[in-house]
Amino acid sequence: MSDAPNEADHWARAWLMALLDAAARAGLTPLSQATIHHLAFLANVLAPTYGLPVETGLVTRWKRGPYSPELQWDLDRLSIMGLATIVSVGPVSDRGKWFVARYGLGPLAPTFLERSRAVGSLARVHRFHCELLTAFASLAPTLRGAVVDQDATYANTVDGDLGESETVIGFAEWKN
């Protein structure tokens, strides 16, 4: 088995870089990993409305909000590659012992983003992310964390209690 990344890995990382760049353009960086997961969830839920594909159709309803192990893997991988950067890491004791890392764009991001926006499908995703993050940035900081909890997909407790940890939500196949 090859350790070389496949085309889906490249797309997922370019998608995530478009999200980080949109956050930077909206003045939101550095972002905590929890906020990145929240924003990725929102982008995926809203993507079909804009005629865009869903990047990650499965997410874990985690006690700190939506969480995607694959997205976290890609985020950390982008940091190692110099496309993203980990600005800070520190402990958190909100709902148990944990840590918070804050991410921003890395030194190699501008060249990568310029080249990726030359691909039509990625340029559309980038524009969508910019619109989404501009709207998110316009919210009062105290309201930003509640946005995901108000989303009907995430707040649907038929599949499990909202406060419950590790309930998987699958929405990639849903039709509008």
Protein backbone atom coordinates (compact mmCIF):
# COMPACT_ATOMS: atom_id res chain seq x y z
CA MET A 1 0.00 0.00 0.00
CA SER A 2 1.33 3.41 -0.93
CA ASP A 3 1.76 6.22 1.60
CA ALA A 4 1.44 8.79 -1.19
CA PRO A 5 -1.60 11.04 -0.82
CA ASN A 6 -4.40 10.44 -3.28
CA GLU A 7 -6.40 13.03 -5.19
CA ALA A 8 -9.06 13.14 -2.44
CA ASP A 9 -6.37 14.05 0.12
CA HIS A 10 -5.21 16.95 -2.07
CA TRP A 11 -8.78 18.19 -2.56
CA ALA A 12 -9.57 17.96 1.18
CA ARG A 13 -6.43 19.92 2.05
CA ALA A 14 -7.08 22.56 -0.62
CA TRP A 15 -10.66 22.85 0.66
CA LEU A 16 -9.38 23.36 4.21
CA MET A 17 -6.79 25.91 3.04
CA ALA A 18 -9.59 27.84 1.31
CA LEU A 19 -11.46 27.87 4.62
CA LEU A 20 -8.40 29.11 6.55
CA ASP A 21 -7.72 31.79 3.94
CA ALA A 22 -11.34 32.95 4.09
CA ALA A 23 -11.04 33.17 7.89
CA ALA A 24 -7.87 35.24 7.57
CA ARG A 25 -9.54 37.57 5.04
CA ALA A 26 -12.46 38.01 7.47
CA GLY A 27 -10.06 38.89 10.29
CA LEU A 28 -10.80 35.73 12.29
CA THR A 29 -7.37 34.11 12.50
CA PRO A 30 -5.84 32.60 14.48
CA LEU A 31 -8.72 30.16 14.99
CA SER A 32 -9.02 27.44 17.61
CA GLN A 33 -9.31 23.93 16.26
CA ALA A 34 -12.87 23.78 17.69
CA THR A 35 -13.87 26.87 15.68
CA ILE A 36 -12.31 25.40 12.54
CA HIS A 37 -14.37 22.24 13.01
CA HIS A 38 -17.52 24.36 13.57
CA LEU A 39 -16.87 26.36 10.40
CA ALA A 40 -16.11 23.25 8.37
CA PHE A 41 -19.40 21.76 9.55
CA LEU A 42 -21.31 24.89 8.53
CA ALA A 43 -19.57 25.00 5.16
CA ASN A 44 -20.46 21.37 4.51
CA VAL A 45 -24.08 21.74 5.57
CA LEU A 46 -24.55 24.85 3.41
CA ALA A 47 -22.52 23.69 0.38
CA PRO A 48 -25.44 22.00 -1.46
CA THR A 49 -27.44 25.24 -1.21
CA TYR A 50 -24.69 26.88 -3.28
CA GLY A 51 -24.42 23.98 -5.70
CA LEU A 52 -21.12 22.82 -4.20
CA PRO A 53 -20.14 19.30 -3.18
CA VAL A 54 -20.05 18.32 0.49
CA GLU A 55 -16.43 17.81 1.53
CA THR A 56 -17.06 15.82 4.71
CA GLY A 57 -20.49 14.26 5.05
CA LEU A 58 -19.86 12.65 8.42
CA VAL A 59 -19.14 14.51 11.61
CA THR A 60 -19.07 13.52 15.25
CA ARG A 61 -21.39 15.40 17.59
CA TRP A 62 -18.77 15.88 20.24
CA LYS A 63 -19.14 17.53 23.65
CA ARG A 64 -17.17 20.56 22.39
CA GLY A 65 -19.02 20.75 19.07
CA PRO A 66 -18.65 19.08 15.67
CA TYR A 67 -15.46 17.10 15.22
CA SER A 68 -13.97 15.37 12.20
CA PRO A 69 -10.85 13.26 12.79
CA GLU A 70 -9.96 13.50 9.09
CA LEU A 71 -10.16 17.29 9.13
CA GLN A 72 -7.95 17.43 12.24
CA TRP A 73 -5.45 15.12 10.56
CA ASP A 74 -5.37 17.37 7.49
CA LEU A 75 -5.08 20.51 9.61
CA ASP A 76 -2.07 19.13 11.46
CA ARG A 77 -0.58 17.83 8.21
CA LEU A 78 -0.94 21.30 6.63
CA SER A 79 0.91 22.76 9.61
CA ILE A 80 3.81 20.35 9.14
CA MET A 81 3.88 21.22 5.43
CA GLY A 82 4.16 24.96 6.18
CA LEU A 83 0.77 25.77 4.62
CA ALA A 84 -0.86 26.40 8.00
CA THR A 85 0.78 27.29 11.27
CA ILE A 86 0.03 26.44 14.87
CA VAL A 87 0.11 29.83 16.57
CA SER A 88 -0.39 28.59 20.14
CA VAL A 89 -1.21 25.49 22.17
CA GLY A 90 -2.51 25.44 25.71
CA PRO A 91 -4.58 23.43 28.20
CA VAL A 92 -8.33 23.78 28.62
CA SER A 93 -10.50 22.52 31.48
CA ASP A 94 -14.01 23.24 30.26
CA ARG A 95 -15.63 19.82 29.97
CA GLY A 96 -12.73 17.71 31.12
CA LYS A 97 -9.02 18.00 30.46
CA TRP A 98 -8.17 18.97 26.92
CA PHE A 99 -6.00 21.36 24.93
CA VAL A 100 -6.66 24.18 22.53
CA ALA A 101 -4.50 24.93 19.51
CA ARG A 102 -4.89 28.06 17.40
CA TYR A 103 -4.14 27.94 13.68
CA GLY A 104 -3.38 30.50 11.02
CA LEU A 105 -1.95 30.55 7.51
CA GLY A 106 1.62 29.34 7.13
CA PRO A 107 4.48 30.85 5.16
CA LEU A 108 3.82 28.70 2.08
CA ALA A 109 0.08 29.49 1.99
CA PRO A 110 0.09 32.45 -0.44
CA THR A 111 1.68 30.52 -3.31
CA PHE A 112 -0.47 27.45 -2.66
CA LEU A 113 -3.67 29.50 -2.51
CA GLU A 114 -2.85 31.43 -5.67
CA ARG A 115 -2.28 28.21 -7.60
CA SER A 116 -5.32 26.44 -6.15
CA ARG A 117 -7.65 29.32 -7.04
CA ALA A 118 -6.61 28.78 -10.68
CA VAL A 119 -8.62 25.53 -10.54
CA GLY A 120 -12.23 26.49 -11.29
CA SER A 121 -13.89 24.17 -8.77
CA LEU A 122 -11.56 25.33 -5.99
CA ALA A 123 -12.10 28.98 -6.92
CA ARG A 124 -15.86 28.48 -6.45
CA VAL A 125 -15.30 26.83 -3.06
CA HIS A 126 -12.98 29.67 -2.04
CA ARG A 127 -15.58 32.31 -2.96
CA PHE A 128 -18.21 30.43 -0.97
CA HIS A 129 -15.91 30.14 2.04
CA CYS A 130 -15.15 33.87 1.85
CA GLU A 131 -18.88 34.69 1.84
CA LEU A 132 -19.57 32.29 4.72
CA LEU A 133 -16.69 33.55 6.88
CA THR A 134 -17.54 37.20 6.21
CA ALA A 135 -21.08 36.51 7.45
CA PHE A 136 -19.73 34.58 10.46
CA ALA A 137 -17.33 37.42 11.32
CA SER A 138 -20.26 39.87 11.29
CA LEU A 139 -21.82 38.04 14.25
CA ALA A 140 -21.07 39.20 17.77
CA PRO A 141 -18.24 37.02 19.16
CA THR A 142 -20.57 35.78 21.91
CA LEU A 143 -23.00 34.41 19.28
CA ARG A 144 -20.49 32.65 17.04
CA GLY A 145 -20.22 29.56 19.21
CA ALA A 146 -23.99 29.08 19.27
CA VAL A 147 -24.40 29.02 15.48
CA VAL A 148 -23.71 25.30 15.13
CA ASP A 149 -25.98 24.36 18.04
CA GLN A 150 -28.83 26.20 16.27
CA ASP A 151 -28.32 24.32 12.99
CA ALA A 152 -31.17 21.84 12.49
CA THR A 153 -28.79 19.11 11.32
CA TYR A 154 -26.59 19.39 14.39
CA ALA A 155 -29.36 20.08 16.91
CA ASN A 156 -31.43 17.06 15.75
CA THR A 157 -31.57 15.01 18.93
CA VAL A 158 -33.47 12.11 17.36
CA ASP A 159 -30.08 10.47 16.80
CA GLY A 160 -28.81 11.23 20.30
CA ASP A 161 -28.70 13.82 23.01
CA LEU A 162 -27.05 17.10 21.98
CA GLY A 163 -24.93 16.98 25.15
CA GLU A 164 -23.95 13.40 24.42
CA SER A 165 -20.46 12.76 23.16
CA GLU A 166 -19.56 10.96 19.95
CA THR A 167 -22.86 10.67 18.11
CA VAL A 168 -22.10 10.45 14.38
CA ILE A 169 -24.14 12.67 12.06
CA GLY A 170 -24.25 11.67 8.41
CA PHE A 171 -25.63 14.25 6.00
CA ALA A 172 -23.72 13.83 2.72
CA GLU A 173 -26.57 11.99 1.02
CA TRP A 174 -29.34 14.36 2.11
CA LYS A 175 -31.13 16.18 -0.65
CA ASN A 176 -32.46 19.74 -0.37
